[in-house]
Amino acid sequence: VVIVILALLGPAIGNIFSNIMNAI
């Protein structure tokens, strides 16, 4: 279960971080 959560959160966190860097 944890692996699945990490698999889903991984790209999501990367996407959010990308959006933040793009906004700056």
C-alpha atoms as a PDB file:
ATOM      1  CA  VAL A   1       0.000   0.000   0.000  1.00  0.00           C
ATOM      2  CA  VAL A   2       2.777   2.427   0.945  1.00  0.00           C
ATOM      3  CA  ILE A   3       4.598   1.717  -2.324  1.00  0.00           C
ATOM      4  CA  VAL A   4       1.463   2.548  -4.290  1.00  0.00           C
ATOM      5  CA  ILE A   5       1.007   5.788  -2.340  1.00  0.00           C
ATOM      6  CA  LEU A   6       4.631   6.761  -2.992  1.00  0.00           C
ATOM      7  CA  ALA A   7       4.206   5.889  -6.663  1.00  0.00           C
ATOM      8  CA  LEU A   8       1.220   8.235  -6.840  1.00  0.00           C
ATOM      9  CA  LEU A   9       2.707  11.018  -4.694  1.00  0.00           C
ATOM     10  CA  GLY A  10       6.104  10.957  -6.405  1.00  0.00           C
ATOM     11  CA  PRO A  11       4.984  12.396  -9.766  1.00  0.00           C
ATOM     12  CA  ALA A  12       2.449  14.627  -8.004  1.00  0.00           C
ATOM     13  CA  ILE A  13       5.134  16.232  -5.809  1.00  0.00           C
ATOM     14  CA  GLY A  14       7.409  16.627  -8.830  1.00  0.00           C
ATOM     15  CA  ASN A  15       4.564  18.254 -10.742  1.00  0.00           C
ATOM     16  CA  ILE A  16       3.783  20.662  -7.897  1.00  0.00           C
ATOM     17  CA  PHE A  17       7.474  21.516  -7.507  1.00  0.00           C
ATOM     18  CA  SER A  18       7.679  22.132 -11.264  1.00  0.00           C
ATOM     19  CA  ASN A  19       4.675  24.450 -11.083  1.00  0.00           C
ATOM     20  CA  ILE A  20       6.229  26.388  -8.188  1.00  0.00           C
ATOM     21  CA  MET A  21       9.533  26.799 -10.039  1.00  0.00           C
ATOM     22  CA  ASN A  22       7.587  27.853 -13.130  1.00  0.00           C
ATOM     23  CA  ALA A  23       5.647  30.470 -11.158  1.00  0.00           C
ATOM     24  CA  ILE A  24       8.820  32.081  -9.794  1.00  0.00           C
END
